[in-house]
Amino acid sequence: MSQDLKGSARTYLRGLAHHLKPVVYLGKQGITESFLKSVNEALDSHELIKLKFTCFKEERRTLAREIEAQTRSEMVGLIGHIAIYYREQHDKEKRKIDIPDHMRQRG
């Protein structure tokens, strides 16, 4: 699910994520149903999360894109062994991150 974010929005979100600690870790079991459930719960709760690859470090780019697709989120950064994901909270009352409109794509 594309969030229709411009490069400026991705930069903005990476800046917000700078101080965050990883909340989900991809270990030797790989992408499992319970792993995806953890990622989805973290995105529902925080909107912006860091995920750390403790295993599969060589395949991290491919796996990061797979996680992005399966969680309907947007990967806004991949730095070293850390991926940063964003998914806007559907409930406007629960949103924690406000991306300015000028940072969103029109279309």
PDB file of N, CA and C in Angstrom:
ATOM      1  N   MET A   1       0.854  -1.178   0.000  1.00  0.00           N
ATOM      2  CA  MET A   1       0.000   0.000   0.000  1.00  0.00           C
ATOM      3  C   MET A   1       0.891   1.229   0.000  1.00  0.00           C
ATOM      4  N   SER A   2       0.826   1.972  -1.019  1.00  0.00           N
ATOM      5  CA  SER A   2       1.641   3.174  -1.109  1.00  0.00           C
ATOM      6  C   SER A   2       0.993   4.299  -0.322  1.00  0.00           C
ATOM      7  N   GLN A   3       1.800   4.994   0.414  1.00  0.00           N
ATOM      8  CA  GLN A   3       1.310   6.138   1.180  1.00  0.00           C
ATOM      9  C   GLN A   3       1.354   7.403   0.331  1.00  0.00           C
ATOM     10  N   ASP A   4       1.860   7.292  -0.902  1.00  0.00           N
ATOM     11  CA  ASP A   4       1.980   8.444  -1.792  1.00  0.00           C
ATOM     12  C   ASP A   4       2.813   9.557  -1.162  1.00  0.00           C
ATOM     13  N   LEU A   5       3.971   9.184  -0.678  1.00  0.00           N
ATOM     14  CA  LEU A   5       4.849  10.149  -0.024  1.00  0.00           C
ATOM     15  C   LEU A   5       5.925  10.630  -0.978  1.00  0.00           C
ATOM     16  N   LYS A   6       6.202  11.913  -0.929  1.00  0.00           N
ATOM     17  CA  LYS A   6       7.309  12.493  -1.680  1.00  0.00           C
ATOM     18  C   LYS A   6       8.606  12.199  -0.941  1.00  0.00           C
ATOM     19  N   GLY A   7       9.701  12.476  -1.611  1.00  0.00           N
ATOM     20  CA  GLY A   7      11.010  12.306  -0.982  1.00  0.00           C
ATOM     21  C   GLY A   7      11.154  13.147   0.276  1.00  0.00           C
ATOM     22  N   SER A   8      10.542  14.328   0.273  1.00  0.00           N
ATOM     23  CA  SER A   8      10.632  15.198   1.455  1.00  0.00           C
ATOM     24  C   SER A   8       9.923  14.566   2.653  1.00  0.00           C
ATOM     25  N   ALA A   9       8.832  13.834   2.409  1.00  0.00           N
ATOM     26  CA  ALA A   9       8.120  13.166   3.501  1.00  0.00           C
ATOM     27  C   ALA A   9       8.955  12.009   4.049  1.00  0.00           C
ATOM     28  N   ARG A  10       9.618  11.300   3.149  1.00  0.00           N
ATOM     29  CA  ARG A  10      10.485  10.199   3.582  1.00  0.00           C
ATOM     30  C   ARG A  10      11.630  10.742   4.453  1.00  0.00           C
ATOM     31  N   THR A  11      12.201  11.847   4.029  1.00  0.00           N
ATOM     32  CA  THR A  11      13.273  12.480   4.802  1.00  0.00           C
ATOM     33  C   THR A  11      12.752  12.918   6.168  1.00  0.00           C
ATOM     34  N   TYR A  12      11.576  13.510   6.176  1.00  0.00           N
ATOM     35  CA  TYR A  12      10.930  13.954   7.415  1.00  0.00           C
ATOM     36  C   TYR A  12      10.729  12.770   8.370  1.00  0.00           C
ATOM     37  N   LEU A  13      10.213  11.658   7.848  1.00  0.00           N
ATOM     38  CA  LEU A  13       9.959  10.471   8.676  1.00  0.00           C
ATOM     39  C   LEU A  13      11.264   9.850   9.166  1.00  0.00           C
ATOM     40  N   ARG A  14      12.290   9.824   8.324  1.00  0.00           N
ATOM     41  CA  ARG A  14      13.590   9.298   8.779  1.00  0.00           C
ATOM     42  C   ARG A  14      14.124  10.142   9.930  1.00  0.00           C
ATOM     43  N   GLY A  15      13.902  11.461   9.851  1.00  0.00           N
ATOM     44  CA  GLY A  15      14.320  12.343  10.942  1.00  0.00           C
ATOM     45  C   GLY A  15      13.577  12.034  12.228  1.00  0.00           C
ATOM     46  N   LEU A  16      12.271  11.785  12.112  1.00  0.00           N
ATOM     47  CA  LEU A  16      11.483  11.425  13.300  1.00  0.00           C
ATOM     48  C   LEU A  16      11.934  10.091  13.880  1.00  0.00           C
ATOM     49  N   ALA A  17      12.383   9.191  13.021  1.00  0.00           N
ATOM     50  CA  ALA A  17      12.774   7.851  13.463  1.00  0.00           C
ATOM     51  C   ALA A  17      14.181   7.809  14.051  1.00  0.00           C
ATOM     52  N   HIS A  18      14.932   8.865  13.863  1.00  0.00           N
ATOM     53  CA  HIS A  18      16.343   8.855  14.266  1.00  0.00           C
ATOM     54  C   HIS A  18      16.539   8.397  15.713  1.00  0.00           C
ATOM     55  N   HIS A  19      15.742   8.885  16.622  1.00  0.00           N
ATOM     56  CA  HIS A  19      15.916   8.572  18.043  1.00  0.00           C
ATOM     57  C   HIS A  19      15.248   7.248  18.458  1.00  0.00           C
ATOM     58  N   LEU A  20      14.494   6.636  17.567  1.00  0.00           N
ATOM     59  CA  LEU A  20      13.770   5.414  17.916  1.00  0.00           C
ATOM     60  C   LEU A  20      14.700   4.216  18.023  1.00  0.00           C
ATOM     61  N   LYS A  21      14.349   3.305  18.887  1.00  0.00           N
ATOM     62  CA  LYS A  21      15.032   2.019  19.000  1.00  0.00           C
ATOM     63  C   LYS A  21      14.227   1.000  18.207  1.00  0.00           C
ATOM     64  N   PRO A  22      14.880  -0.035  17.656  1.00  0.00           N
ATOM     65  CA  PRO A  22      14.118  -1.072  16.954  1.00  0.00           C
ATOM     66  C   PRO A  22      13.102  -1.723  17.889  1.00  0.00           C
ATOM     67  N   VAL A  23      11.890  -1.939  17.379  1.00  0.00           N
ATOM     68  CA  VAL A  23      10.844  -2.577  18.181  1.00  0.00           C
ATOM     69  C   VAL A  23      10.561  -3.997  17.715  1.00  0.00           C
ATOM     70  N   VAL A  24      11.049  -4.343  16.517  1.00  0.00           N
ATOM     71  CA  VAL A  24      10.871  -5.685  15.990  1.00  0.00           C
ATOM     72  C   VAL A  24      12.216  -6.139  15.430  1.00  0.00           C
ATOM     73  N   TYR A  25      12.518  -7.428  15.623  1.00  0.00           N
ATOM     74  CA  TYR A  25      13.768  -8.001  15.139  1.00  0.00           C
ATOM     75  C   TYR A  25      13.466  -9.187  14.243  1.00  0.00           C
ATOM     76  N   LEU A  26      14.140  -9.245  13.094  1.00  0.00           N
ATOM     77  CA  LEU A  26      13.999 -10.392  12.206  1.00  0.00           C
ATOM     78  C   LEU A  26      15.146 -11.335  12.499  1.00  0.00           C
ATOM     79  N   GLY A  27      14.812 -12.469  13.097  1.00  0.00           N
ATOM     80  CA  GLY A  27      15.819 -13.442  13.486  1.00  0.00           C
ATOM     81  C   GLY A  27      15.868 -14.634  12.557  1.00  0.00           C
ATOM     82  N   LYS A  28      16.434 -15.718  13.065  1.00  0.00           N
ATOM     83  CA  LYS A  28      16.721 -16.885  12.225  1.00  0.00           C
ATOM     84  C   LYS A  28      15.477 -17.584  11.688  1.00  0.00           C
ATOM     85  N   GLN A  29      14.311 -17.359  12.284  1.00  0.00           N
ATOM     86  CA  GLN A  29      13.098 -18.001  11.776  1.00  0.00           C
ATOM     87  C   GLN A  29      12.552 -17.298  10.546  1.00  0.00           C
ATOM     88  N   GLY A  30      13.016 -16.096  10.269  1.00  0.00           N
ATOM     89  CA  GLY A  30      12.608 -15.377   9.071  1.00  0.00           C
ATOM     90  C   GLY A  30      11.229 -14.755   9.207  1.00  0.00           C
ATOM     91  N   ILE A  31      10.613 -14.529   8.053  1.00  0.00           N
ATOM     92  CA  ILE A  31       9.302 -13.880   8.016  1.00  0.00           C
ATOM     93  C   ILE A  31       8.231 -14.939   8.259  1.00  0.00           C
ATOM     94  N   THR A  32       7.743 -14.968   9.471  1.00  0.00           N
ATOM     95  CA  THR A  32       6.691 -15.914   9.847  1.00  0.00           C
ATOM     96  C   THR A  32       5.393 -15.147  10.086  1.00  0.00           C
ATOM     97  N   GLU A  33       4.325 -15.887  10.273  1.00  0.00           N
ATOM     98  CA  GLU A  33       3.036 -15.258  10.554  1.00  0.00           C
ATOM     99  C   GLU A  33       3.107 -14.455  11.852  1.00  0.00           C
ATOM    100  N   SER A  34       3.754 -14.996  12.863  1.00  0.00           N
ATOM    101  CA  SER A  34       3.852 -14.278  14.145  1.00  0.00           C
ATOM    102  C   SER A  34       4.755 -13.045  14.021  1.00  0.00           C
ATOM    103  N   PHE A  35       5.792 -13.135  13.203  1.00  0.00           N
ATOM    104  CA  PHE A  35       6.649 -11.974  12.961  1.00  0.00           C
ATOM    105  C   PHE A  35       5.837 -10.854  12.308  1.00  0.00           C
ATOM    106  N   LEU A  36       5.069 -11.197  11.268  1.00  0.00           N
ATOM    107  CA  LEU A  36       4.254 -10.189  10.583  1.00  0.00           C
ATOM    108  C   LEU A  36       3.201  -9.609  11.514  1.00  0.00           C
ATOM    109  N   LYS A  37       2.660 -10.431  12.387  1.00  0.00           N
ATOM    110  CA  LYS A  37       1.687  -9.943  13.373  1.00  0.00           C
ATOM    111  C   LYS A  37       2.359  -8.903  14.280  1.00  0.00           C
ATOM    112  N   SER A  38       3.576  -9.182  14.705  1.00  0.00           N
ATOM    113  CA  SER A  38       4.318  -8.231  15.554  1.00  0.00           C
ATOM    114  C   SER A  38       4.571  -6.915  14.832  1.00  0.00           C
ATOM    115  N   VAL A  39       4.945  -6.998  13.564  1.00  0.00           N
ATOM    116  CA  VAL A  39       5.194  -5.780  12.785  1.00  0.00           C
ATOM    117  C   VAL A  39       3.898  -4.981  12.643  1.00  0.00           C
ATOM    118  N   ASN A  40       2.805  -5.661  12.304  1.00  0.00           N
ATOM    119  CA  ASN A  40       1.516  -4.980  12.147  1.00  0.00           C
ATOM    120  C   ASN A  40       1.059  -4.327  13.447  1.00  0.00           C
ATOM    121  N   GLU A  41       1.230  -5.021  14.565  1.00  0.00           N
ATOM    122  CA  GLU A  41       0.847  -4.448  15.861  1.00  0.00           C
ATOM    123  C   GLU A  41       1.691  -3.220  16.185  1.00  0.00           C
ATOM    124  N   ALA A  42       2.984  -3.290  15.899  1.00  0.00           N
ATOM    125  CA  ALA A  42       3.862  -2.150  16.156  1.00  0.00           C
ATOM    126  C   ALA A  42       3.477  -0.956  15.277  1.00  0.00           C
ATOM    127  N   LEU A  43       3.159  -1.222  14.004  1.00  0.00           N
ATOM    128  CA  LEU A  43       2.738  -0.140  13.112  1.00  0.00           C
ATOM    129  C   LEU A  43       1.408   0.457  13.550  1.00  0.00           C
ATOM    130  N   ASP A  44       0.478  -0.391  13.990  1.00  0.00           N
ATOM    131  CA  ASP A  44      -0.812   0.112  14.475  1.00  0.00           C
ATOM    132  C   ASP A  44      -0.627   1.002  15.695  1.00  0.00           C
ATOM    133  N   SER A  45       0.299   0.629  16.532  1.00  0.00           N
ATOM    134  CA  SER A  45       0.518   1.355  17.775  1.00  0.00           C
ATOM    135  C   SER A  45       1.354   2.628  17.575  1.00  0.00           C
ATOM    136  N   HIS A  46       2.406   2.531  16.761  1.00  0.00           N
ATOM    137  CA  HIS A  46       3.379   3.626  16.658  1.00  0.00           C
ATOM    138  C   HIS A  46       3.364   4.385  15.334  1.00  0.00           C
ATOM    139  N   GLU A  47       2.874   3.775  14.270  1.00  0.00           N
ATOM    140  CA  GLU A  47       2.890   4.312  12.906  1.00  0.00           C
ATOM    141  C   GLU A  47       4.278   4.287  12.275  1.00  0.00           C
ATOM    142  N   LEU A  48       5.300   4.625  13.020  1.00  0.00           N
ATOM    143  CA  LEU A  48       6.676   4.685  12.528  1.00  0.00           C
ATOM    144  C   LEU A  48       7.526   3.775  13.401  1.00  0.00           C
ATOM    145  N   ILE A  49       8.158   2.779  12.777  1.00  0.00           N
ATOM    146  CA  ILE A  49       8.949   1.825  13.563  1.00  0.00           C
ATOM    147  C   ILE A  49      10.285   1.536  12.896  1.00  0.00           C
ATOM    148  N   LYS A  50      11.197   1.046  13.722  1.00  0.00           N
ATOM    149  CA  LYS A  50      12.455   0.521  13.213  1.00  0.00           C
ATOM    150  C   LYS A  50      12.429  -0.992  13.395  1.00  0.00           C
ATOM    151  N   LEU A  51      12.967  -1.688  12.402  1.00  0.00           N
ATOM    152  CA  LEU A  51      13.070  -3.137  12.423  1.00  0.00           C
ATOM    153  C   LEU A  51      14.531  -3.481  12.210  1.00  0.00           C
ATOM    154  N   LYS A  52      15.062  -4.375  13.026  1.00  0.00           N
ATOM    155  CA  LYS A  52      16.471  -4.741  12.904  1.00  0.00           C
ATOM    156  C   LYS A  52      16.607  -6.152  12.365  1.00  0.00           C
ATOM    157  N   PHE A  53      17.490  -6.306  11.389  1.00  0.00           N
ATOM    158  CA  PHE A  53      17.810  -7.615  10.843  1.00  0.00           C
ATOM    159  C   PHE A  53      18.950  -8.199  11.661  1.00  0.00           C
ATOM    160  N   THR A  54      18.653  -9.202  12.491  1.00  0.00           N
ATOM    161  CA  THR A  54      19.705  -9.862  13.263  1.00  0.00           C
ATOM    162  C   THR A  54      20.265 -11.053  12.488  1.00  0.00           C
ATOM    163  N   CYS A  55      19.488 -11.548  11.539  1.00  0.00           N
ATOM    164  CA  CYS A  55      19.906 -12.603  10.624  1.00  0.00           C
ATOM    165  C   CYS A  55      19.525 -12.158   9.215  1.00  0.00           C
ATOM    166  N   PHE A  56      19.910 -12.934   8.222  1.00  0.00           N
ATOM    167  CA  PHE A  56      19.569 -12.630   6.825  1.00  0.00           C
ATOM    168  C   PHE A  56      20.096 -11.262   6.393  1.00  0.00           C
ATOM    169  N   LYS A  57      21.247 -10.889   6.923  1.00  0.00           N
ATOM    170  CA  LYS A  57      21.760  -9.547   6.638  1.00  0.00           C
ATOM    171  C   LYS A  57      22.082  -9.340   5.164  1.00  0.00           C
ATOM    172  N   GLU A  58      22.492 -10.392   4.472  1.00  0.00           N
ATOM    173  CA  GLU A  58      22.795 -10.269   3.043  1.00  0.00           C
ATOM    174  C   GLU A  58      21.523 -10.088   2.216  1.00  0.00           C
ATOM    175  N   GLU A  59      20.408 -10.649   2.685  1.00  0.00           N
ATOM    176  CA  GLU A  59      19.147 -10.593   1.943  1.00  0.00           C
ATOM    177  C   GLU A  59      18.243  -9.469   2.435  1.00  0.00           C
ATOM    178  N   ARG A  60      18.747  -8.576   3.270  1.00  0.00           N
ATOM    179  CA  ARG A  60      17.894  -7.600   3.935  1.00  0.00           C
ATOM    180  C   ARG A  60      17.115  -6.704   2.972  1.00  0.00           C
ATOM    181  N   ARG A  61      17.693  -6.332   1.845  1.00  0.00           N
ATOM    182  CA  ARG A  61      16.963  -5.461   0.909  1.00  0.00           C
ATOM    183  C   ARG A  61      15.728  -6.159   0.346  1.00  0.00           C
ATOM    184  N   THR A  62      15.894  -7.391  -0.083  1.00  0.00           N
ATOM    185  CA  THR A  62      14.773  -8.162  -0.619  1.00  0.00           C
ATOM    186  C   THR A  62      13.735  -8.427   0.455  1.00  0.00           C
ATOM    187  N   LEU A  63      14.187  -8.837   1.634  1.00  0.00           N
ATOM    188  CA  LEU A  63      13.255  -9.123   2.729  1.00  0.00           C
ATOM    189  C   LEU A  63      12.544  -7.860   3.194  1.00  0.00           C
ATOM    190  N   ALA A  64      13.253  -6.741   3.206  1.00  0.00           N
ATOM    191  CA  ALA A  64      12.634  -5.473   3.629  1.00  0.00           C
ATOM    192  C   ALA A  64      11.483  -5.105   2.706  1.00  0.00           C
ATOM    193  N   ARG A  65      11.638  -5.319   1.413  1.00  0.00           N
ATOM    194  CA  ARG A  65      10.568  -5.033   0.447  1.00  0.00           C
ATOM    195  C   ARG A  65       9.402  -6.011   0.632  1.00  0.00           C
ATOM    196  N   GLU A  66       9.715  -7.256   0.946  1.00  0.00           N
ATOM    197  CA  GLU A  66       8.659  -8.243   1.184  1.00  0.00           C
ATOM    198  C   GLU A  66       7.849  -7.870   2.427  1.00  0.00           C
ATOM    199  N   ILE A  67       8.534  -7.444   3.481  1.00  0.00           N
ATOM    200  CA  ILE A  67       7.854  -7.015   4.705  1.00  0.00           C
ATOM    201  C   ILE A  67       6.978  -5.803   4.406  1.00  0.00           C
ATOM    202  N   GLU A  68       7.504  -4.889   3.621  1.00  0.00           N
ATOM    203  CA  GLU A  68       6.749  -3.689   3.230  1.00  0.00           C
ATOM    204  C   GLU A  68       5.441  -4.091   2.541  1.00  0.00           C
ATOM    205  N   ALA A  69       5.528  -5.013   1.607  1.00  0.00           N
ATOM    206  CA  ALA A  69       4.338  -5.434   0.860  1.00  0.00           C
ATOM    207  C   ALA A  69       3.348  -6.184   1.751  1.00  0.00           C
ATOM    208  N   GLN A  70       3.855  -7.074   2.586  1.00  0.00           N
ATOM    209  CA  GLN A  70       2.969  -7.906   3.396  1.00  0.00           C
ATOM    210  C   GLN A  70       2.312  -7.136   4.538  1.00  0.00           C
ATOM    211  N   THR A  71       2.900  -6.017   4.939  1.00  0.00           N
ATOM    212  CA  THR A  71       2.310  -5.228   6.035  1.00  0.00           C
ATOM    213  C   THR A  71       1.601  -3.984   5.508  1.00  0.00           C
ATOM    214  N   ARG A  72       1.576  -3.821   4.180  1.00  0.00           N
ATOM    215  CA  ARG A  72       0.942  -2.656   3.564  1.00  0.00           C
ATOM    216  C   ARG A  72       1.467  -1.355   4.186  1.00  0.00           C
ATOM    217  N   SER A  73       2.765  -1.324   4.393  1.00  0.00           N
ATOM    218  CA  SER A  73       3.418  -0.142   4.961  1.00  0.00           C
ATOM    219  C   SER A  73       4.341   0.438   3.900  1.00  0.00           C
ATOM    220  N   GLU A  74       5.059   1.470   4.264  1.00  0.00           N
ATOM    221  CA  GLU A  74       6.027   2.054   3.352  1.00  0.00           C
ATOM    222  C   GLU A  74       7.382   2.095   4.037  1.00  0.00           C
ATOM    223  N   MET A  75       8.380   1.482   3.385  1.00  0.00           N
ATOM    224  CA  MET A  75       9.728   1.544   3.920  1.00  0.00           C
ATOM    225  C   MET A  75      10.290   2.907   3.552  1.00  0.00           C
ATOM    226  N   VAL A  76      10.616   3.704   4.551  1.00  0.00           N
ATOM    227  CA  VAL A  76      11.123   5.048   4.292  1.00  0.00           C
ATOM    228  C   VAL A  76      12.632   5.134   4.435  1.00  0.00           C
ATOM    229  N   GLY A  77      13.251   4.028   4.857  1.00  0.00           N
ATOM    230  CA  GLY A  77      14.694   4.015   4.967  1.00  0.00           C
ATOM    231  C   GLY A  77      15.226   2.630   5.260  1.00  0.00           C
ATOM    232  N   LEU A  78      16.433   2.372   4.777  1.00  0.00           N
ATOM    233  CA  LEU A  78      17.156   1.147   5.088  1.00  0.00           C
ATOM    234  C   LEU A  78      18.602   1.559   5.286  1.00  0.00           C
ATOM    235  N   ILE A  79      19.016   1.581   6.536  1.00  0.00           N
ATOM    236  CA  ILE A  79      20.347   2.051   6.885  1.00  0.00           C
ATOM    237  C   ILE A  79      21.045   0.933   7.641  1.00  0.00           C
ATOM    238  N   GLY A  80      22.092   0.387   7.053  1.00  0.00           N
ATOM    239  CA  GLY A  80      22.769  -0.741   7.676  1.00  0.00           C
ATOM    240  C   GLY A  80      21.823  -1.913   7.803  1.00  0.00           C
ATOM    241  N   HIS A  81      21.644  -2.391   9.017  1.00  0.00           N
ATOM    242  CA  HIS A  81      20.761  -3.534   9.272  1.00  0.00           C
ATOM    243  C   HIS A  81      19.432  -3.102   9.875  1.00  0.00           C
ATOM    244  N   ILE A  82      19.097  -1.827   9.712  1.00  0.00           N
ATOM    245  CA  ILE A  82      17.859  -1.273  10.262  1.00  0.00           C
ATOM    246  C   ILE A  82      16.968  -0.768   9.125  1.00  0.00           C
ATOM    247  N   ALA A  83      15.722  -1.220   9.135  1.00  0.00           N
ATOM    248  CA  ALA A  83      14.726  -0.720   8.174  1.00  0.00           C
ATOM    249  C   ALA A  83      13.730   0.133   8.948  1.00  0.00           C
ATOM    250  N   ILE A  84      13.266   1.209   8.317  1.00  0.00           N
ATOM    251  CA  ILE A  84      12.293   2.117   8.928  1.00  0.00           C
ATOM    252  C   ILE A  84      11.003   2.022   8.113  1.00  0.00           C
ATOM    253  N   TYR A  85       9.912   1.722   8.812  1.00  0.00           N
ATOM    254  CA  TYR A  85       8.613   1.564   8.157  1.00  0.00           C
ATOM    255  C   TYR A  85       7.607   2.566   8.714  1.00  0.00           C
ATOM    256  N   TYR A  86       6.707   2.997   7.822  1.00  0.00           N
ATOM    257  CA  TYR A  86       5.638   3.911   8.199  1.00  0.00           C
ATOM    258  C   TYR A  86       4.321   3.395   7.640  1.00  0.00           C
ATOM    259  N   ARG A  87       3.297   3.443   8.455  1.00  0.00           N
ATOM    260  CA  ARG A  87       1.935   3.181   8.000  1.00  0.00           C
ATOM    261  C   ARG A  87       1.014   4.087   8.800  1.00  0.00           C
ATOM    262  N   GLU A  88       0.307   4.941   8.075  1.00  0.00           N
ATOM    263  CA  GLU A  88      -0.577   5.896   8.728  1.00  0.00           C
ATOM    264  C   GLU A  88      -1.708   5.168   9.447  1.00  0.00           C
ATOM    265  N   GLN A  89      -1.981   5.596  10.664  1.00  0.00           N
ATOM    266  CA  GLN A  89      -3.094   5.054  11.451  1.00  0.00           C
ATOM    267  C   GLN A  89      -4.400   5.445  10.759  1.00  0.00           C
ATOM    268  N   HIS A  90      -5.276   4.462  10.548  1.00  0.00           N
ATOM    269  CA  HIS A  90      -6.549   4.740   9.864  1.00  0.00           C
ATOM    270  C   HIS A  90      -7.461   5.623  10.704  1.00  0.00           C
ATOM    271  N   ASP A  91      -7.423   5.461  12.012  1.00  0.00           N
ATOM    272  CA  ASP A  91      -8.255   6.244  12.925  1.00  0.00           C
ATOM    273  C   ASP A  91      -7.584   7.596  13.174  1.00  0.00           C
ATOM    274  N   LYS A  92      -8.166   8.654  12.656  1.00  0.00           N
ATOM    275  CA  LYS A  92      -7.563   9.985  12.777  1.00  0.00           C
ATOM    276  C   LYS A  92      -7.329  10.391  14.225  1.00  0.00           C
ATOM    277  N   GLU A  93      -8.175   9.913  15.132  1.00  0.00           N
ATOM    278  CA  GLU A  93      -8.036  10.257  16.555  1.00  0.00           C
ATOM    279  C   GLU A  93      -6.785   9.634  17.169  1.00  0.00           C
ATOM    280  N   LYS A  94      -6.324   8.528  16.604  1.00  0.00           N
ATOM    281  CA  LYS A  94      -5.174   7.815  17.165  1.00  0.00           C
ATOM    282  C   LYS A  94      -3.858   8.155  16.477  1.00  0.00           C
ATOM    283  N   ARG A  95      -3.896   8.976  15.442  1.00  0.00           N
ATOM    284  CA  ARG A  95      -2.671   9.311  14.711  1.00  0.00           C
ATOM    285  C   ARG A  95      -1.691  10.064  15.591  1.00  0.00           C
ATOM    286  N   LYS A  96      -0.440   9.680  15.472  1.00  0.00           N
ATOM    287  CA  LYS A  96       0.622  10.316  16.240  1.00  0.00           C
ATOM    288  C   LYS A  96       1.521  11.172  15.354  1.00  0.00           C
ATOM    289  N   ILE A  97       1.507  10.898  14.053  1.00  0.00           N
ATOM    290  CA  ILE A  97       2.384  11.595  13.125  1.00  0.00           C
ATOM    291  C   ILE A  97       1.540  12.348  12.108  1.00  0.00           C
ATOM    292  N   ASP A  98       1.850  13.616  11.943  1.00  0.00           N
ATOM    293  CA  ASP A  98       1.137  14.435  10.975  1.00  0.00           C
ATOM    294  C   ASP A  98       2.119  14.820   9.879  1.00  0.00           C
ATOM    295  N   ILE A  99       1.920  14.265   8.693  1.00  0.00           N
ATOM    296  CA  ILE A  99       2.755  14.614   7.560  1.00  0.00           C
ATOM    297  C   ILE A  99       2.088  15.778   6.837  1.00  0.00           C
ATOM    298  N   PRO A 100       2.792  16.877   6.706  1.00  0.00           N
ATOM    299  CA  PRO A 100       2.195  18.029   6.009  1.00  0.00           C
ATOM    300  C   PRO A 100       1.713  17.660   4.611  1.00  0.00           C
ATOM    301  N   ASP A 101       0.603  18.233   4.201  1.00  0.00           N
ATOM    302  CA  ASP A 101       0.007  17.928   2.898  1.00  0.00           C
ATOM    303  C   ASP A 101       0.968  18.172   1.734  1.00  0.00           C
ATOM    304  N   HIS A 102       1.813  19.200   1.847  1.00  0.00           N
ATOM    305  CA  HIS A 102       2.711  19.494   0.737  1.00  0.00           C
ATOM    306  C   HIS A 102       3.771  18.402   0.529  1.00  0.00           C
ATOM    307  N   MET A 103       3.873  17.471   1.476  1.00  0.00           N
ATOM    308  CA  MET A 103       4.820  16.363   1.349  1.00  0.00           C
ATOM    309  C   MET A 103       4.180  15.113   0.753  1.00  0.00           C
ATOM    310  N   ARG A 104       2.902  15.175   0.494  1.00  0.00           N
ATOM    311  CA  ARG A 104       2.186  14.030  -0.093  1.00  0.00           C
ATOM    312  C   ARG A 104       2.035  14.232  -1.598  1.00  0.00           C
ATOM    313  N   GLN A 105       2.075  13.118  -2.313  1.00  0.00           N
ATOM    314  CA  GLN A 105       1.866  13.154  -3.764  1.00  0.00           C
ATOM    315  C   GLN A 105       0.409  13.450  -4.055  1.00  0.00           C
ATOM    316  N   ARG A 106       0.156  14.044  -5.128  1.00  0.00           N
ATOM    317  CA  ARG A 106      -1.221  14.219  -5.611  1.00  0.00           C
ATOM    318  C   ARG A 106      -1.411  13.257  -6.766  1.00  0.00           C
ATOM    319  N   GLY A 107      -2.578  12.661  -6.846  1.00  0.00           N
ATOM    320  CA  GLY A 107      -2.733  11.825  -7.996  1.00  0.00           C
ATOM    321  C   GLY A 107      -3.863  10.937  -7.901  1.00  0.00           C
TER     322      GLY A 107
END
